[in-house]
Amino acid sequence: MGGGKINPLDYNSNELFNKVSDPKQYKDIMAPIQETLKKITEGNNDALLVSDYEEYTTDGKEQFENYPKSYFINWLKKGNSITFFYTDYEEVNNKSKIKSAKHLYFTVFTHGSANESSMISMVRDALKDRYTTKEFTLNNNPYSVTNNYGGKDFTGMQNKQFNQWKNFNSNACLDKKLPYEVIGINKVWNADVDKYVQNIIDKENGIFLAKLYLNASDQSSYKLNKVAVRVYDATDDYKHYAECEEAKNHQPKMTKDKGKNDVWSDESKKDPIVTACYEKDKTELKKDWIFVSGNPKPLESWEELFSHDEQIFSDHLKNSPEKVELITNFHKNYKLKNIKSNTALLRIGYVIEDATFNSENIQQRFSMEFNYTEG
């Protein structure tokens, strides 16, 4: 930012470093930081802001109000992230000649999920070995999940028999970079299946799924301590999802009545899905037919069916946080009676059970400047 304007950046790493380290770019000490934050966070692009975050009023007085907070929150709520590269420097007062300690922030606003072509990669490369900076990231979703099954047609199931029962597989984690996969098993979960499960527990260390990896290398704002496995019966939830999707395919056709009012066509009036799912004589779905997971019927939790290898998780988190293997085991208290329906659609999810704020990465000055508080 220079002269109160937001300018496009189109440089390689060397050019970018030369640009942001040139004092001539910062001759306007009254540059409106708050207005710049507003423009950046209302947009949908990556952006770089180099500033000490000292905002001044029109009469030259420093603004001590926590003005960046709301802009940061709005940006994060949209699924974006903010990375601060900050370094110490000394500023000499022109009048008193007294030196004071300051922070200079290279703030990167990343739109969506970061990748190799994102501005954050270019800025990190530009600063490397040139400035001694500390890094802090605000991100609602700092972790990513991948798998390495040997191809999209394979699954993480480790038991040979379960793999033979597989009749469907959708690895969205690999295909679409989305954090889910679907495996269909053409077998009712009865006493026959239970024999194989007991064999897995006795002879295969209870391992059901493996080769699923969590990238937890970004610990700058929160330290990940524990994850947990949650199992839900998603059968009714998925049925409702399918019905909501079908309702979208029956959007009513409109016409005019004798009074020139918008009404459903005769064809739409005869469609039972239209009359059940849409607001009368409108093209908007009723609230109950806009899918939200767990609504109107909450998902039923299945306890003591699956867990995970906590020791492997803990060791990998400590030794290789960029690739923490998530090994899904049958629970130590597994029993066939825990299977509440032998033809259910189960949702097995990993959730963050314990994470702590990384206060070690926040210097007192940083905390004071932004009035940062947990939560």
Protein backbone atom coordinates (compact mmCIF):
# COMPACT_ATOMS: atom_id res chain seq x y z
CA MET A 1 0.00 0.00 0.00
CA GLY A 2 1.31 3.42 -0.87
CA GLY A 3 -0.32 6.81 -1.16
CA GLY A 4 -3.64 5.45 0.15
CA LYS A 5 -4.12 3.08 -2.81
CA ILE A 6 -4.27 -0.68 -3.23
CA ASN A 7 -2.05 -1.72 -6.12
CA PRO A 8 -1.84 -5.10 -7.89
CA LEU A 9 1.31 -7.14 -7.25
CA ASP A 10 2.84 -8.80 -10.29
CA TYR A 11 6.40 -9.59 -9.33
CA ASN A 12 8.65 -12.56 -8.81
CA SER A 13 10.12 -13.13 -5.33
CA ASN A 14 13.21 -10.94 -5.88
CA GLU A 15 11.16 -8.08 -7.35
CA LEU A 16 8.66 -8.36 -4.52
CA PHE A 17 11.40 -8.11 -1.89
CA ASN A 18 12.89 -5.04 -3.58
CA LYS A 19 9.46 -3.45 -3.71
CA VAL A 20 8.45 -3.94 -0.08
CA SER A 21 11.91 -3.05 1.29
CA ASP A 22 12.12 0.25 -0.63
CA PRO A 23 11.59 3.18 1.83
CA LYS A 24 10.19 5.30 -1.01
CA GLN A 25 7.10 3.09 -1.01
CA TYR A 26 6.18 4.24 2.51
CA LYS A 27 6.59 8.01 2.35
CA ASP A 28 2.91 8.56 3.18
CA ILE A 29 2.90 8.15 6.98
CA MET A 30 -0.80 9.00 7.07
CA ALA A 31 -1.76 6.11 4.80
CA PRO A 32 -5.31 5.04 5.77
CA ILE A 33 -4.74 1.50 7.12
CA GLN A 34 -8.32 1.04 8.30
CA GLU A 35 -9.77 1.94 4.90
CA THR A 36 -7.28 -0.42 3.25
CA LEU A 37 -8.29 -3.28 5.56
CA LYS A 38 -11.92 -2.63 4.66
CA LYS A 39 -11.23 -2.84 0.92
CA ILE A 40 -9.06 -5.96 1.25
CA THR A 41 -11.49 -7.92 3.43
CA GLU A 42 -14.50 -7.01 1.29
CA GLY A 43 -12.73 -8.43 -1.77
CA ASN A 44 -12.10 -11.96 -2.96
CA ASN A 45 -8.39 -11.88 -3.76
CA ASP A 46 -5.07 -12.50 -2.05
CA ALA A 47 -3.54 -9.29 -0.72
CA LEU A 48 -0.38 -8.07 0.99
CA LEU A 49 -0.33 -5.23 3.50
CA VAL A 50 3.02 -3.96 4.86
CA SER A 51 2.45 -1.79 7.92
CA ASP A 52 3.26 -1.16 11.58
CA TYR A 53 -0.55 -0.86 12.13
CA GLU A 54 -0.20 2.56 13.67
CA GLU A 55 -3.29 4.39 12.48
CA TYR A 56 -3.51 8.16 12.90
CA THR A 57 -6.48 10.48 13.08
CA THR A 58 -6.72 13.50 10.80
CA ASP A 59 -5.21 15.72 13.51
CA GLY A 60 -2.10 13.52 13.72
CA LYS A 61 -2.97 11.58 16.88
CA GLU A 62 -2.36 7.84 17.05
CA GLN A 63 -5.48 5.65 17.00
CA PHE A 64 -5.35 3.18 19.93
CA GLU A 65 -8.72 1.56 19.29
CA ASN A 66 -8.55 -2.09 18.19
CA TYR A 67 -9.64 -1.15 14.69
CA PRO A 68 -8.34 -4.22 12.74
CA LYS A 69 -10.33 -6.78 14.78
CA SER A 70 -13.68 -6.68 12.96
CA TYR A 71 -12.01 -6.80 9.52
CA PHE A 72 -9.92 -9.82 10.51
CA ILE A 73 -13.01 -11.61 11.87
CA ASN A 74 -15.07 -10.98 8.73
CA TRP A 75 -12.25 -12.25 6.51
CA LEU A 76 -11.84 -15.43 8.55
CA LYS A 77 -15.58 -16.10 8.65
CA LYS A 78 -15.55 -16.36 4.85
CA GLY A 79 -13.17 -19.33 5.04
CA ASN A 80 -10.00 -17.33 4.44
CA SER A 81 -6.77 -16.99 6.43
CA ILE A 82 -4.35 -14.27 7.52
CA THR A 83 -0.61 -14.76 7.99
CA PHE A 84 1.56 -12.22 9.80
CA PHE A 85 5.30 -12.10 9.19
CA TYR A 86 6.63 -9.65 11.75
CA THR A 87 10.03 -8.27 12.64
CA ASP A 88 11.44 -5.80 15.17
CA TYR A 89 12.82 -2.39 14.28
CA GLU A 90 13.61 0.90 16.01
CA GLU A 91 11.98 4.20 15.13
CA VAL A 92 13.51 7.58 16.02
CA ASN A 93 11.10 10.38 16.85
CA ASN A 94 11.79 13.36 14.57
CA LYS A 95 11.29 15.83 17.42
CA SER A 96 12.53 14.13 20.59
CA LYS A 97 15.13 11.93 18.85
CA ILE A 98 14.11 9.17 21.26
CA LYS A 99 14.24 5.61 19.92
CA SER A 100 11.29 3.29 20.41
CA ALA A 101 10.82 -0.42 19.66
CA LYS A 102 8.36 -1.15 16.86
CA HIS A 103 7.04 -4.08 14.86
CA LEU A 104 6.78 -4.17 11.09
CA TYR A 105 4.15 -6.57 9.77
CA PHE A 106 4.00 -8.20 6.37
CA THR A 107 0.36 -9.29 6.47
CA VAL A 108 -0.82 -11.73 3.80
CA PHE A 109 -4.57 -12.15 3.29
CA THR A 110 -5.14 -15.53 1.62
CA HIS A 111 -8.47 -16.03 -0.13
CA GLY A 112 -9.68 -19.62 0.30
CA SER A 113 -7.20 -22.43 0.81
CA ALA A 114 -3.56 -21.67 0.14
CA ASN A 115 -1.69 -23.51 -2.61
CA GLU A 116 1.67 -23.22 -4.38
CA SER A 117 0.48 -20.31 -6.52
CA SER A 118 -0.99 -18.32 -3.61
CA MET A 119 0.59 -15.04 -2.60
CA ILE A 120 1.59 -16.51 0.77
CA SER A 121 4.09 -18.80 -0.99
CA MET A 122 5.64 -15.90 -2.91
CA VAL A 123 5.91 -13.68 0.17
CA ARG A 124 7.39 -16.44 2.29
CA ASP A 125 10.00 -17.07 -0.42
CA ALA A 126 10.73 -13.35 -0.80
CA LEU A 127 11.41 -12.90 2.92
CA LYS A 128 13.43 -16.08 3.35
CA ASP A 129 17.08 -15.41 4.34
CA ARG A 130 16.51 -11.66 3.95
CA TYR A 131 14.48 -10.67 6.98
CA THR A 132 14.47 -12.38 10.35
CA THR A 133 10.75 -12.69 10.88
CA LYS A 134 8.39 -14.56 13.14
CA GLU A 135 5.22 -16.01 11.70
CA PHE A 136 1.70 -16.20 13.05
CA THR A 137 -1.37 -17.44 11.19
CA LEU A 138 -5.07 -16.94 11.86
CA ASN A 139 -6.94 -19.75 10.16
CA ASN A 140 -10.25 -21.42 10.99
CA ASN A 141 -9.14 -24.58 9.19
CA PRO A 142 -5.34 -24.92 9.35
CA TYR A 143 -5.18 -28.68 8.81
CA SER A 144 -5.57 -30.77 5.65
CA VAL A 145 -6.17 -34.48 5.09
CA THR A 146 -4.82 -36.67 2.29
CA ASN A 147 -4.57 -40.37 1.64
CA ASN A 148 -2.13 -42.66 -0.12
CA TYR A 149 -3.96 -45.82 -1.09
CA GLY A 150 -2.12 -46.36 -4.36
CA GLY A 151 -4.86 -44.95 -6.60
CA LYS A 152 -8.42 -43.62 -6.54
CA ASP A 153 -9.90 -47.11 -6.97
CA PHE A 154 -8.34 -48.30 -3.72
CA THR A 155 -9.40 -47.72 -0.12
CA GLY A 156 -7.65 -47.61 3.23
CA MET A 157 -9.31 -50.83 4.42
CA GLN A 158 -6.55 -53.19 5.54
CA ASN A 159 -8.50 -56.45 5.81
CA LYS A 160 -8.58 -58.61 2.67
CA GLN A 161 -12.12 -59.87 3.28
CA PHE A 162 -13.62 -56.41 3.80
CA ASN A 163 -11.96 -55.31 0.56
CA GLN A 164 -13.60 -58.23 -1.24
CA TRP A 165 -16.98 -57.08 0.04
CA LYS A 166 -16.42 -53.56 -1.32
CA ASN A 167 -18.91 -52.71 -4.08
CA PHE A 168 -18.53 -48.91 -4.22
CA ASN A 169 -15.76 -46.39 -3.69
CA SER A 170 -15.60 -42.61 -4.06
CA ASN A 171 -12.32 -41.03 -2.99
CA ALA A 172 -13.25 -37.34 -3.05
CA CYS A 173 -10.21 -36.60 -0.91
CA LEU A 174 -8.05 -37.56 -3.89
CA ASP A 175 -10.34 -36.65 -6.80
CA LYS A 176 -11.79 -33.33 -5.67
CA LYS A 177 -9.50 -32.38 -2.75
CA LEU A 178 -12.50 -32.60 -0.43
CA PRO A 179 -12.17 -34.14 3.05
CA TYR A 180 -14.32 -37.23 2.63
CA GLU A 181 -14.54 -40.61 0.96
CA VAL A 182 -17.34 -43.14 0.62
CA ILE A 183 -16.95 -46.92 0.78
CA GLY A 184 -19.81 -49.30 0.09
CA ILE A 185 -19.74 -52.81 1.61
CA ASN A 186 -22.09 -55.37 0.10
CA LYS A 187 -22.62 -57.31 3.32
CA VAL A 188 -25.02 -57.01 6.25
CA TRP A 189 -23.19 -56.61 9.56
CA ASN A 190 -24.22 -59.85 11.25
CA ALA A 191 -22.60 -62.72 13.19
CA ASP A 192 -20.76 -63.81 10.03
CA VAL A 193 -19.10 -60.40 9.63
CA ASP A 194 -18.45 -60.31 13.37
CA LYS A 195 -16.17 -63.36 13.05
CA TYR A 196 -13.93 -61.43 10.65
CA VAL A 197 -13.95 -58.41 12.94
CA GLN A 198 -12.83 -60.54 15.88
CA ASN A 199 -10.03 -61.93 13.73
CA ILE A 200 -8.93 -58.37 12.85
CA ILE A 201 -8.89 -57.49 16.56
CA ASP A 202 -6.98 -60.66 17.55
CA LYS A 203 -4.52 -60.99 14.66
CA GLU A 204 -4.37 -57.65 12.81
CA ASN A 205 -4.00 -55.20 15.72
CA GLY A 206 -7.62 -54.15 15.26
CA ILE A 207 -6.72 -52.01 12.23
CA PHE A 208 -9.66 -51.27 9.94
CA LEU A 209 -8.48 -48.20 7.96
CA ALA A 210 -4.97 -46.83 7.43
CA LYS A 211 -2.85 -44.67 5.06
CA LEU A 212 -4.91 -41.58 5.87
CA TYR A 213 -2.71 -38.58 6.70
CA LEU A 214 -3.22 -35.31 8.55
CA ASN A 215 -1.00 -32.30 7.82
CA ALA A 216 -0.74 -30.58 11.20
CA SER A 217 2.46 -28.64 10.49
CA ASP A 218 0.78 -25.26 11.06
CA GLN A 219 0.87 -24.94 14.84
CA SER A 220 1.50 -21.19 14.83
CA SER A 221 -1.82 -20.20 16.40
CA TYR A 222 -3.04 -23.40 18.04
CA LYS A 223 -1.23 -26.53 19.19
CA LEU A 224 -3.08 -29.70 18.26
CA ASN A 225 -2.98 -32.22 21.11
CA LYS A 226 -5.63 -34.87 20.54
CA VAL A 227 -8.14 -36.04 17.95
CA ALA A 228 -11.03 -38.44 18.42
CA VAL A 229 -13.18 -40.68 16.24
CA ARG A 230 -16.94 -40.12 16.18
CA VAL A 231 -19.35 -42.57 14.53
CA TYR A 232 -22.89 -41.66 13.53
CA ASP A 233 -25.74 -43.39 11.72
CA ALA A 234 -26.24 -41.07 8.72
CA THR A 235 -28.88 -43.20 6.97
CA ASP A 236 -31.86 -40.90 7.55
CA ASP A 237 -29.67 -37.84 7.04
CA TYR A 238 -28.61 -39.05 3.60
CA LYS A 239 -32.17 -39.96 2.64
CA HIS A 240 -33.25 -36.44 3.52
CA TYR A 241 -30.32 -35.04 1.52
CA ALA A 242 -31.40 -37.09 -1.53
CA GLU A 243 -34.99 -35.89 -1.16
CA CYS A 244 -33.87 -32.25 -0.91
CA GLU A 245 -31.76 -32.66 -4.05
CA GLU A 246 -34.74 -34.19 -5.88
CA ALA A 247 -36.93 -31.28 -4.77
CA LYS A 248 -34.52 -28.89 -6.52
CA ASN A 249 -35.23 -30.71 -9.80
CA HIS A 250 -38.95 -29.90 -9.50
CA GLN A 251 -38.75 -26.13 -9.39
CA PRO A 252 -42.26 -24.85 -10.20
CA LYS A 253 -43.09 -23.25 -13.53
CA MET A 254 -44.83 -19.92 -13.15
CA THR A 255 -47.69 -18.26 -15.00
CA LYS A 256 -50.15 -15.39 -14.47
CA ASP A 257 -53.70 -15.70 -13.15
CA LYS A 258 -56.58 -13.48 -14.25
CA GLY A 259 -55.48 -10.80 -11.83
CA LYS A 260 -51.94 -10.83 -13.31
CA ASN A 261 -50.54 -12.43 -10.16
CA ASP A 262 -47.65 -14.90 -10.32
CA VAL A 263 -48.95 -18.42 -9.69
CA TRP A 264 -47.86 -21.99 -10.38
CA SER A 265 -48.70 -23.43 -13.75
CA ASP A 266 -51.35 -26.16 -13.92
CA GLU A 267 -48.58 -28.70 -14.49
CA SER A 268 -46.74 -27.65 -11.32
CA LYS A 269 -49.95 -27.69 -9.28
CA LYS A 270 -50.30 -31.39 -10.10
CA ASP A 271 -46.75 -32.21 -9.03
CA PRO A 272 -46.89 -33.62 -5.45
CA ILE A 273 -43.22 -32.73 -4.83
CA VAL A 274 -43.90 -29.10 -5.76
CA THR A 275 -46.93 -28.84 -3.47
CA ALA A 276 -45.07 -30.50 -0.59
CA CYS A 277 -41.70 -28.78 -0.85
CA TYR A 278 -42.25 -25.27 -2.23
CA GLU A 279 -43.82 -22.13 -0.82
CA LYS A 280 -47.28 -21.65 -2.32
CA ASP A 281 -47.11 -20.02 -5.77
CA LYS A 282 -43.39 -19.31 -5.36
CA THR A 283 -40.16 -20.84 -6.58
CA GLU A 284 -38.55 -20.89 -3.13
CA LEU A 285 -38.19 -24.15 -1.23
CA LYS A 286 -39.77 -24.44 2.19
CA LYS A 287 -37.24 -24.29 5.03
CA ASP A 288 -37.62 -28.02 5.81
CA TRP A 289 -36.49 -28.88 2.27
CA ILE A 290 -33.24 -26.95 2.36
CA PHE A 291 -30.77 -29.57 3.52
CA VAL A 292 -28.90 -29.07 6.78
CA SER A 293 -27.16 -32.09 8.28
CA GLY A 294 -28.80 -33.25 11.49
CA ASN A 295 -32.05 -31.42 10.76
CA PRO A 296 -34.86 -32.21 11.33
CA LYS A 297 -33.61 -35.45 12.93
CA PRO A 298 -30.26 -35.41 14.79
CA LEU A 299 -27.76 -38.09 13.79
CA GLU A 300 -27.64 -41.06 16.16
CA SER A 301 -24.24 -41.65 17.75
CA TRP A 302 -22.80 -45.19 17.76
CA GLU A 303 -20.48 -45.66 20.71
CA GLU A 304 -17.52 -48.05 21.08
CA LEU A 305 -17.39 -49.14 17.45
CA PHE A 306 -14.24 -47.41 16.13
CA SER A 307 -11.33 -45.55 17.69
CA HIS A 308 -7.83 -44.65 16.49
CA ASP A 309 -4.22 -45.48 17.29
CA GLU A 310 -3.42 -42.76 19.81
CA GLN A 311 0.24 -43.71 20.19
CA ILE A 312 0.95 -43.48 16.45
CA PHE A 313 -0.90 -40.16 16.32
CA SER A 314 1.08 -38.75 19.25
CA ASP A 315 4.44 -39.95 17.90
CA HIS A 316 3.82 -38.63 14.39
CA LEU A 317 2.52 -35.32 15.70
CA LYS A 318 5.78 -34.88 17.59
CA ASN A 319 8.19 -36.25 14.96
CA SER A 320 6.52 -35.57 11.58
CA PRO A 321 3.56 -33.17 12.03
CA GLU A 322 3.36 -32.63 8.26
CA LYS A 323 2.30 -36.27 7.84
CA VAL A 324 0.45 -37.71 10.84
CA GLU A 325 -1.11 -41.06 10.05
CA LEU A 326 -4.70 -41.54 11.22
CA ILE A 327 -5.15 -45.28 11.82
CA THR A 328 -8.75 -46.26 12.48
CA ASN A 329 -9.10 -49.27 14.77
CA PHE A 330 -12.03 -51.26 16.04
CA HIS A 331 -12.76 -50.00 19.54
CA LYS A 332 -11.29 -51.98 22.44
CA ASN A 333 -14.86 -52.50 23.73
CA TYR A 334 -16.26 -53.55 20.35
CA LYS A 335 -19.22 -55.94 20.54
CA LEU A 336 -21.69 -57.05 17.89
CA LYS A 337 -24.55 -55.66 20.00
CA ASN A 338 -23.14 -52.16 19.39
CA ILE A 339 -24.23 -52.51 15.75
CA LYS A 340 -27.69 -50.95 15.99
CA SER A 341 -28.59 -51.59 12.34
CA ASN A 342 -26.85 -54.06 10.05
CA THR A 343 -27.62 -52.04 6.90
CA ALA A 344 -26.79 -48.52 8.07
CA LEU A 345 -24.86 -45.76 6.34
CA LEU A 346 -22.20 -44.86 8.89
CA ARG A 347 -20.29 -41.61 9.09
CA ILE A 348 -16.85 -42.06 10.64
CA GLY A 349 -15.36 -38.67 11.43
CA TYR A 350 -12.14 -37.41 12.98
CA VAL A 351 -12.67 -34.40 15.23
CA ILE A 352 -10.28 -32.16 17.16
CA GLU A 353 -10.69 -33.15 20.80
CA ASP A 354 -8.01 -30.95 22.35
CA ALA A 355 -6.13 -27.92 21.02
CA THR A 356 -4.48 -25.16 23.02
CA PHE A 357 -3.74 -21.57 22.12
CA ASN A 358 -0.07 -21.20 21.19
CA SER A 359 0.74 -18.28 23.45
CA GLU A 360 4.47 -18.93 23.00
CA ASN A 361 4.21 -17.57 19.47
CA ILE A 362 2.59 -14.29 20.50
CA GLN A 363 4.92 -11.64 21.81
CA GLN A 364 3.50 -9.18 24.31
CA ARG A 365 3.77 -6.33 21.81
CA PHE A 366 1.80 -8.28 19.20
CA SER A 367 -0.93 -9.03 21.73
CA MET A 368 -1.12 -5.40 22.82
CA GLU A 369 -1.24 -4.00 19.31
CA PHE A 370 -4.22 -6.10 18.28
CA ASN A 371 -5.79 -6.70 21.71
CA TYR A 372 -5.81 -10.37 20.73
CA THR A 373 -7.74 -12.71 23.01
CA GLU A 374 -8.44 -16.41 22.75
CA GLY A 375 -11.63 -17.45 20.96
